[in-house]
């Protein structure tokens, strides 16, 4: 029997390509009535409700698209590699990682432990030249940290970006001349400094010879990741290549926490046991009262006020606070620390944060991928990572692009 998926208002808006305001209006007029959680009044929908819409009816959500195979050996240089989330995804898509740069000693140790043959260049990217890889790599990828630019009196081209880690990303692209470069960042980069930061990054890539495809926010839940994580993808194609990059097609099939932690669609066994942090006794006492799928508004009013303090009187839902995830919904976005007050992600059945291996499962890391360092460092590595299955989907789109480049080159040679 197929479970009738529970979808958020935002999920429905994405599936129907409508605004959230339109979906709310449809609820109010009865065109698409929402269900509501008894205590929190949280609005949600069931997947079966959407079958009345032609755009959804036409989707065969169980159809898996054929994975593209590389027609040649394609190589990747990865910057800001972290614990390897994006690199594993690229590897699973059929791309060969020739070198990875990472400054964090624990993350670098994680990469070496799991892939002894990978060329891990540990250290500050600002002190590393990548000129040896000039014209030797097809792809440069990197989740560069977003930093503020100072615009005062500056034209703000490539040289003016010095001192930012985006400059190091662009500098590496300029040194190596890959066919395509892929930058990833938080969704907030779109609106950072009124959008000027992203526009500046696009202008800099254009200046060094790369045509930027319209940046797009990819929702991990539509790429076989049981987590509501969003990443902004910035793609630059070398200007001598008249081929467009196409973003991966969303599956429309949403996986839930049970898919991450239990034997099923994603993994062939239940999640292995592993270390994990604990809540202080005072927090545990509060979270014991929160039902699966609930949050602070499900607490008795006096406890709400005591727990939230000044935040109780501020606007906004703050749905991540005192939050217990249910089995039949995707996890909220994982953070670097699983027990912070603003970002609780409580286990559905037990009053505790997710363990290290549960964290890794939610990010779709393979069970055999080990993390170096103390437990706090392991959480940080996993929380910062690109989900593997999202990385794989991006990698497959890169393979399709590079296959087209290869095909075009062959046609030119034979002409």
Protein backbone atom coordinates (compact mmCIF):
# COMPACT_ATOMS: atom_id res chain seq x y z
CA UNK A 1 0.00 0.00 0.00
CA UNK A 2 1.38 3.42 -0.98
CA UNK A 3 1.50 5.92 1.87
CA UNK A 4 -0.38 9.15 1.18
CA UNK A 5 2.44 11.66 1.57
CA UNK A 6 2.06 14.67 3.82
CA UNK A 7 3.12 17.83 1.98
CA UNK A 8 3.74 21.32 3.32
CA UNK A 9 2.20 24.42 1.76
CA UNK A 10 5.59 25.16 0.17
CA UNK A 11 5.82 21.63 -1.28
CA UNK A 12 2.42 22.04 -2.92
CA UNK A 13 3.36 25.46 -4.29
CA UNK A 14 6.44 23.95 -5.95
CA UNK A 15 4.57 20.94 -7.37
CA UNK A 16 1.85 23.13 -8.88
CA UNK A 17 4.20 26.00 -9.84
CA UNK A 18 2.02 28.44 -7.92
CA UNK A 19 2.81 31.01 -5.25
CA UNK A 20 2.24 30.17 -1.60
CA UNK A 21 -0.29 33.01 -1.49
CA UNK A 22 -2.32 31.29 -4.25
CA UNK A 23 -2.29 27.99 -2.36
CA UNK A 24 -3.45 29.76 0.81
CA UNK A 25 -6.25 31.45 -1.14
CA UNK A 26 -7.33 28.10 -2.61
CA UNK A 27 -7.51 26.77 0.94
CA UNK A 28 -9.64 29.71 2.07
CA UNK A 29 -12.13 29.36 -0.81
CA UNK A 30 -12.27 25.56 -0.61
CA UNK A 31 -10.59 24.79 -3.95
CA UNK A 32 -7.75 22.95 -2.20
CA UNK A 33 -8.59 22.66 1.50
CA UNK A 34 -5.68 22.04 3.84
CA UNK A 35 -5.51 19.70 6.80
CA UNK A 36 -4.33 21.17 10.10
CA UNK A 37 -2.46 19.72 13.03
CA UNK A 38 -4.87 19.69 16.02
CA UNK A 39 -2.82 21.75 18.44
CA UNK A 40 -0.40 23.78 16.32
CA UNK A 41 -2.86 24.57 13.48
CA UNK A 42 0.04 23.74 11.12
CA UNK A 43 -1.30 23.59 7.54
CA UNK A 44 -0.50 20.52 5.43
CA UNK A 45 -1.85 18.62 2.44
CA UNK A 46 -2.01 15.01 1.27
CA UNK A 47 -0.44 13.94 -2.00
CA UNK A 48 -3.70 12.36 -3.23
CA UNK A 49 -5.43 15.77 -3.11
CA UNK A 50 -3.27 16.99 -5.98
CA UNK A 51 -4.50 14.37 -8.45
CA UNK A 52 -7.28 16.76 -9.47
CA UNK A 53 -4.68 18.92 -11.19
CA UNK A 54 -3.65 17.95 -14.73
CA UNK A 55 -0.02 18.97 -14.19
CA UNK A 56 0.25 16.51 -11.30
CA UNK A 57 -1.92 13.81 -12.87
CA UNK A 58 0.44 13.72 -15.84
CA UNK A 59 3.45 13.03 -13.60
CA UNK A 60 4.48 9.44 -13.21
CA UNK A 61 6.27 9.94 -9.91
CA UNK A 62 7.44 6.32 -9.83
CA UNK A 63 9.26 6.57 -13.17
CA UNK A 64 13.00 6.69 -12.64
CA UNK A 65 14.94 8.49 -15.28
CA UNK A 66 17.83 6.69 -16.93
CA UNK A 67 21.15 7.72 -15.44
CA UNK A 68 23.56 9.20 -18.02
CA UNK A 69 26.89 7.44 -18.47
CA UNK A 70 30.09 9.43 -19.17
CA UNK A 71 31.28 8.96 -22.75
CA UNK A 72 34.83 9.78 -21.63
CA UNK A 73 36.77 10.12 -18.36
CA UNK A 74 35.71 13.47 -16.93
CA UNK A 75 37.68 15.05 -14.11
CA UNK A 76 36.75 17.32 -11.21
CA UNK A 77 38.74 19.66 -8.96
CA UNK A 78 36.77 20.39 -5.80
CA UNK A 79 37.29 23.37 -3.51
CA UNK A 80 35.96 23.75 0.05
CA UNK A 81 35.38 19.99 -0.07
CA UNK A 82 34.29 19.49 3.55
CA UNK A 83 33.49 15.89 4.46
CA UNK A 84 32.97 14.94 0.81
CA UNK A 85 29.21 15.21 0.29
CA UNK A 86 29.44 16.81 -3.15
CA UNK A 87 32.52 14.75 -4.08
CA UNK A 88 30.75 11.45 -3.34
CA UNK A 89 27.79 12.60 -5.43
CA UNK A 90 30.11 13.48 -8.32
CA UNK A 91 31.82 10.11 -7.96
CA UNK A 92 28.48 8.29 -8.04
CA UNK A 93 27.57 10.20 -11.21
CA UNK A 94 30.72 8.83 -12.87
CA UNK A 95 33.09 11.80 -12.54
CA UNK A 96 36.70 11.36 -11.39
CA UNK A 97 37.90 13.60 -8.56
CA UNK A 98 41.56 14.52 -9.23
CA UNK A 99 42.08 16.83 -6.25
CA UNK A 100 40.18 18.29 -3.30
CA UNK A 101 41.05 21.31 -1.18
CA UNK A 102 39.88 21.58 2.43
CA UNK A 103 41.17 23.69 5.31
CA UNK A 104 39.48 21.91 8.25
CA UNK A 105 41.80 19.21 9.64
CA UNK A 106 38.99 16.86 10.67
CA UNK A 107 37.20 17.10 7.31
CA UNK A 108 40.50 16.54 5.48
CA UNK A 109 41.12 13.48 7.67
CA UNK A 110 37.63 12.21 6.80
CA UNK A 111 38.39 12.49 3.07
CA UNK A 112 41.72 10.64 3.43
CA UNK A 113 40.29 7.89 5.61
CA UNK A 114 37.50 7.05 3.20
CA UNK A 115 39.31 7.64 -0.08
CA UNK A 116 43.06 7.06 0.44
CA UNK A 117 43.68 7.52 -3.29
CA UNK A 118 42.10 10.96 -3.44
CA UNK A 119 44.57 13.84 -3.71
CA UNK A 120 43.58 15.90 -0.65
CA UNK A 121 45.25 19.33 -0.62
CA UNK A 122 44.84 20.35 3.01
CA UNK A 123 45.30 24.00 3.85
CA UNK A 124 44.12 27.56 3.25
CA UNK A 125 43.06 27.96 -0.38
CA UNK A 126 44.66 31.41 -0.41
CA UNK A 127 48.07 29.77 -0.12
CA UNK A 128 47.57 27.17 -2.86
CA UNK A 129 48.20 27.50 -6.59
CA UNK A 130 46.16 25.26 -8.87
CA UNK A 131 48.03 26.15 -12.06
CA UNK A 132 49.32 22.55 -12.38
CA UNK A 133 45.72 21.61 -13.25
CA UNK A 134 45.47 24.15 -16.10
CA UNK A 135 43.46 22.56 -18.95
CA UNK A 136 43.65 19.25 -17.02
CA UNK A 137 40.21 19.27 -15.35
CA UNK A 138 36.76 19.40 -16.91
CA UNK A 139 34.97 20.73 -13.84
CA UNK A 140 35.73 22.96 -10.85
CA UNK A 141 33.20 22.75 -8.01
CA UNK A 142 33.05 24.46 -4.66
CA UNK A 143 30.73 25.55 -1.89
CA UNK A 144 32.49 28.83 -1.21
CA UNK A 145 31.41 30.57 2.03
CA UNK A 146 29.34 33.68 1.35
CA UNK A 147 31.13 36.82 2.44
CA UNK A 148 30.06 40.43 2.30
CA UNK A 149 31.72 42.64 -0.31
CA UNK A 150 32.55 46.27 0.39
CA UNK A 151 31.40 48.30 -2.61
CA UNK A 152 32.47 51.77 -1.54
CA UNK A 153 34.23 53.46 -4.45
CA UNK A 154 34.88 50.22 -6.30
CA UNK A 155 34.03 49.05 -9.78
CA UNK A 156 34.02 45.61 -8.18
CA UNK A 157 35.54 43.37 -10.80
CA UNK A 158 37.75 40.33 -10.36
CA UNK A 159 40.67 42.09 -8.67
CA UNK A 160 38.40 44.01 -6.31
CA UNK A 161 37.06 40.71 -4.94
CA UNK A 162 40.45 39.90 -3.38
CA UNK A 163 40.18 38.88 0.25
CA UNK A 164 36.93 37.00 -0.25
CA UNK A 165 36.72 33.25 -0.69
CA UNK A 166 34.64 33.72 -3.84
CA UNK A 167 37.71 35.42 -5.32
CA UNK A 168 39.69 32.22 -4.58
CA UNK A 169 36.99 30.17 -6.33
CA UNK A 170 37.12 32.49 -9.36
CA UNK A 171 40.93 32.61 -9.27
CA UNK A 172 41.06 28.79 -9.38
CA UNK A 173 38.64 28.74 -12.31
CA UNK A 174 40.80 31.30 -14.13
CA UNK A 175 43.96 29.28 -13.44
CA UNK A 176 42.58 25.92 -14.53
CA UNK A 177 40.16 26.88 -17.37
CA UNK A 178 37.64 24.05 -16.85
CA UNK A 179 34.78 23.58 -19.31
CA UNK A 180 32.28 24.26 -16.53
CA UNK A 181 32.36 25.51 -12.95
CA UNK A 182 29.74 24.86 -10.30
CA UNK A 183 29.40 26.98 -7.16
CA UNK A 184 26.90 26.16 -4.43
CA UNK A 185 25.73 28.21 -1.52
CA UNK A 186 22.85 28.90 0.81
CA UNK A 187 19.56 30.12 -0.63
CA UNK A 188 20.09 33.44 1.16
CA UNK A 189 22.84 34.38 -1.31
CA UNK A 190 20.06 35.37 -3.74
CA UNK A 191 18.97 38.25 -1.52
CA UNK A 192 22.31 39.00 0.15
CA UNK A 193 22.87 42.77 0.13
CA UNK A 194 19.77 43.29 -2.01
CA UNK A 195 21.03 40.84 -4.62
CA UNK A 196 24.20 42.80 -5.34
CA UNK A 197 26.55 40.11 -4.02
CA UNK A 198 25.22 37.50 -6.46
CA UNK A 199 25.22 39.97 -9.36
CA UNK A 200 28.85 40.79 -8.58
CA UNK A 201 29.78 37.10 -8.58
CA UNK A 202 28.09 36.63 -11.96
CA UNK A 203 29.92 39.69 -13.34
CA UNK A 204 33.26 38.36 -12.10
CA UNK A 205 32.75 34.96 -13.75
CA UNK A 206 31.77 36.77 -16.96
CA UNK A 207 34.96 38.85 -16.73
CA UNK A 208 37.17 35.74 -16.54
CA UNK A 209 35.49 34.07 -19.51
CA UNK A 210 32.45 32.19 -18.21
CA UNK A 211 28.82 32.54 -19.27
CA UNK A 212 26.61 32.13 -16.21
CA UNK A 213 23.44 30.05 -16.48
CA UNK A 214 20.59 31.57 -14.46
CA UNK A 215 21.29 30.61 -10.81
CA UNK A 216 18.72 28.26 -9.38
CA UNK A 217 17.71 27.09 -5.90
CA UNK A 218 17.45 23.29 -5.82
CA UNK A 219 15.24 21.72 -3.17
CA UNK A 220 16.91 18.56 -1.89
CA UNK A 221 13.55 16.87 -1.16
CA UNK A 222 13.02 16.49 -4.93
CA UNK A 223 16.35 14.71 -5.44
CA UNK A 224 15.95 11.65 -3.18
CA UNK A 225 16.97 13.47 -0.01
CA UNK A 226 14.63 13.16 3.01
CA UNK A 227 15.40 16.69 4.17
CA UNK A 228 14.02 20.15 3.45
CA UNK A 229 17.37 21.60 2.45
CA UNK A 230 17.82 24.21 -0.26
CA UNK A 231 21.02 25.12 -2.07
CA UNK A 232 21.66 27.88 -4.59
CA UNK A 233 23.58 26.58 -7.60
CA UNK A 234 25.74 28.94 -9.68
CA UNK A 235 26.90 27.49 -13.02
CA UNK A 236 29.50 29.01 -15.36
CA UNK A 237 30.12 27.61 -18.85
CA UNK A 238 33.34 28.53 -20.66
CA UNK A 239 32.43 31.03 -23.37
CA UNK A 240 33.99 29.07 -26.24
CA UNK A 241 31.44 26.28 -25.63
CA UNK A 242 28.06 26.92 -27.24
CA UNK A 243 26.25 24.33 -25.13
CA UNK A 244 23.82 25.00 -22.30
CA UNK A 245 23.83 23.30 -18.93
CA UNK A 246 20.46 21.93 -17.84
CA UNK A 247 19.63 21.66 -14.16
CA UNK A 248 18.55 18.21 -12.93
CA UNK A 249 14.84 17.44 -13.28
CA UNK A 250 13.01 17.20 -9.93
CA UNK A 251 11.53 13.77 -9.06
CA UNK A 252 8.40 15.17 -7.39
CA UNK A 253 8.59 12.15 -5.08
CA UNK A 254 9.20 13.26 -1.50
CA UNK A 255 11.02 10.91 0.88
CA UNK A 256 10.42 11.04 4.62
CA UNK A 257 12.42 10.48 7.79
CA UNK A 258 11.39 6.82 7.85
CA UNK A 259 13.10 6.41 4.43
CA UNK A 260 16.30 7.75 5.98
CA UNK A 261 16.42 5.82 9.23
CA UNK A 262 14.64 2.57 8.39
CA UNK A 263 15.25 -0.19 5.86
CA UNK A 264 13.55 0.70 2.60
CA UNK A 265 13.95 2.83 -0.50
CA UNK A 266 17.25 4.49 0.40
CA UNK A 267 19.05 1.96 2.60
CA UNK A 268 18.98 -1.84 2.87
CA UNK A 269 19.02 -1.87 6.69
CA UNK A 270 17.97 0.24 9.67
CA UNK A 271 20.34 3.00 10.71
CA UNK A 272 23.40 1.69 12.59
CA UNK A 273 23.96 2.71 16.19
CA UNK A 274 26.41 5.54 16.81
CA UNK A 275 27.32 8.24 19.33
CA UNK A 276 25.20 11.33 19.70
CA UNK A 277 24.75 14.35 21.89
CA UNK A 278 22.00 14.70 24.50
CA UNK A 279 19.63 17.42 25.63
CA UNK A 280 20.09 19.03 29.05
CA UNK A 281 17.53 17.75 31.55
CA UNK A 282 15.58 21.03 31.42
CA UNK A 283 15.21 20.88 27.64
CA UNK A 284 14.35 17.18 27.67
CA UNK A 285 11.55 17.89 30.13
CA UNK A 286 10.06 20.39 27.66
CA UNK A 287 10.54 18.31 24.52
CA UNK A 288 8.95 15.29 26.20
CA UNK A 289 5.68 17.21 25.82
CA UNK A 290 6.03 17.83 22.06
CA UNK A 291 4.29 15.30 19.75
CA UNK A 292 5.89 14.00 16.50
CA UNK A 293 5.59 16.71 13.88
CA UNK A 294 5.01 19.34 16.60
CA UNK A 295 6.96 22.29 17.93
CA UNK A 296 6.84 24.91 20.68
CA UNK A 297 3.25 25.95 19.95
CA UNK A 298 2.13 22.45 20.94
CA UNK A 299 3.31 23.07 24.51
CA UNK A 300 1.05 24.35 27.31
CA UNK A 301 0.88 28.14 27.19
CA UNK A 302 2.84 28.73 30.40
CA UNK A 303 5.67 26.47 29.18
CA UNK A 304 5.64 28.19 25.77
CA UNK A 305 6.27 31.54 27.45
CA UNK A 306 8.93 30.17 29.77
CA UNK A 307 10.77 28.33 27.02
CA UNK A 308 10.54 31.00 24.30
CA UNK A 309 11.03 33.99 26.63
CA UNK A 310 11.17 37.21 24.52
CA UNK A 311 10.74 35.26 21.28
CA UNK A 312 7.22 34.34 22.37
CA UNK A 313 6.08 37.92 21.70
CA UNK A 314 7.88 38.34 18.37
CA UNK A 315 6.36 37.64 14.96
CA UNK A 316 7.03 34.58 12.82
CA UNK A 317 6.34 30.92 13.37
CA UNK A 318 9.85 29.85 14.52
CA UNK A 319 8.82 26.32 13.59
CA UNK A 320 12.35 24.98 14.18
CA UNK A 321 12.23 25.66 17.91
CA UNK A 322 11.35 22.76 20.23
CA UNK A 323 10.73 20.75 17.05
CA UNK A 324 10.16 17.01 17.01
CA UNK A 325 10.30 15.48 13.52
CA UNK A 326 7.70 12.85 12.62
CA UNK A 327 8.39 9.65 10.69
CA UNK A 328 6.13 10.65 7.80
CA UNK A 329 7.76 13.99 6.92
CA UNK A 330 11.21 15.01 5.67
CA UNK A 331 13.60 16.37 8.27
CA UNK A 332 14.04 20.10 8.54
CA UNK A 333 17.46 21.32 7.36
CA UNK A 334 20.23 19.89 9.53
CA UNK A 335 22.61 22.34 11.12
CA UNK A 336 26.15 22.05 12.49
CA UNK A 337 24.88 21.41 16.00
CA UNK A 338 21.77 19.26 16.61
CA UNK A 339 20.77 20.64 20.00
CA UNK A 340 20.81 24.43 19.58
CA UNK A 341 17.68 26.19 20.81
CA UNK A 342 16.84 27.72 17.44
CA UNK A 343 17.24 24.49 15.51
CA UNK A 344 16.12 21.49 17.54
CA UNK A 345 15.64 18.35 15.45
CA UNK A 346 14.25 15.88 17.98
CA UNK A 347 13.89 12.16 17.21
CA UNK A 348 10.25 11.08 16.62
CA UNK A 349 10.09 8.44 19.36
CA UNK A 350 12.91 9.28 21.76
CA UNK A 351 13.55 12.68 23.32
CA UNK A 352 17.05 13.22 22.00
CA UNK A 353 18.82 14.81 19.02
CA UNK A 354 19.63 12.65 16.02
CA UNK A 355 22.83 10.63 16.38
CA UNK A 356 25.84 11.04 14.08
CA UNK A 357 24.76 8.17 11.83
CA UNK A 358 21.17 9.39 11.77
CA UNK A 359 22.48 12.81 10.74
CA UNK A 360 24.53 11.14 8.01
CA UNK A 361 21.54 9.11 6.78
CA UNK A 362 19.39 12.26 6.51
CA UNK A 363 22.18 13.74 4.35
CA UNK A 364 22.22 10.43 2.35
CA UNK A 365 25.83 9.59 3.22
CA UNK A 366 26.61 5.87 2.79
CA UNK A 367 26.80 3.97 6.09
CA UNK A 368 30.40 2.98 5.37
CA UNK A 369 31.50 6.65 5.17
CA UNK A 370 33.32 7.37 8.45
CA UNK A 371 33.82 10.81 9.99
CA UNK A 372 37.03 11.86 11.74
CA UNK A 373 37.37 13.90 14.91
CA UNK A 374 35.26 14.34 18.06
CA UNK A 375 31.48 13.99 17.88
CA UNK A 376 31.00 17.79 17.69
CA UNK A 377 33.32 17.92 14.66
CA UNK A 378 31.45 15.04 13.02
CA UNK A 379 28.11 16.82 13.40
CA UNK A 380 29.66 19.97 11.93
CA UNK A 381 31.05 18.11 8.91
CA UNK A 382 27.72 16.42 8.19
CA UNK A 383 25.64 19.55 8.80
CA UNK A 384 27.79 21.57 6.37
CA UNK A 385 27.72 18.96 3.61
CA UNK A 386 25.87 18.93 0.32
CA UNK A 387 23.48 15.94 0.49
CA UNK A 388 25.03 13.12 -1.53
CA UNK A 389 21.94 12.42 -3.63
CA UNK A 390 21.62 16.10 -4.53
CA UNK A 391 25.30 16.12 -5.48
CA UNK A 392 24.73 13.05 -7.64
CA UNK A 393 21.82 14.71 -9.46
CA UNK A 394 23.99 17.76 -10.18
CA UNK A 395 26.82 15.44 -11.26
CA UNK A 396 24.53 13.66 -13.71
CA UNK A 397 23.60 16.99 -15.28
CA UNK A 398 27.32 17.77 -15.60
CA UNK A 399 27.88 14.39 -17.29
CA UNK A 400 25.09 15.16 -19.80
CA UNK A 401 26.68 18.56 -20.50
CA UNK A 402 30.18 17.11 -20.95
CA UNK A 403 28.84 14.33 -23.18
CA UNK A 404 27.38 17.02 -25.44
CA UNK A 405 30.73 18.87 -25.47
CA UNK A 406 32.51 15.63 -26.36
CA UNK A 407 29.98 14.86 -29.10
CA UNK A 408 30.35 18.35 -30.59
CA UNK A 409 34.15 18.05 -30.58
CA UNK A 410 33.96 14.69 -32.38
CA UNK A 411 31.67 16.18 -35.01
CA UNK A 412 34.08 19.07 -35.58
CA UNK A 413 37.01 16.66 -35.99
CA UNK A 414 35.15 14.45 -38.44
CA UNK A 415 33.77 17.39 -40.44
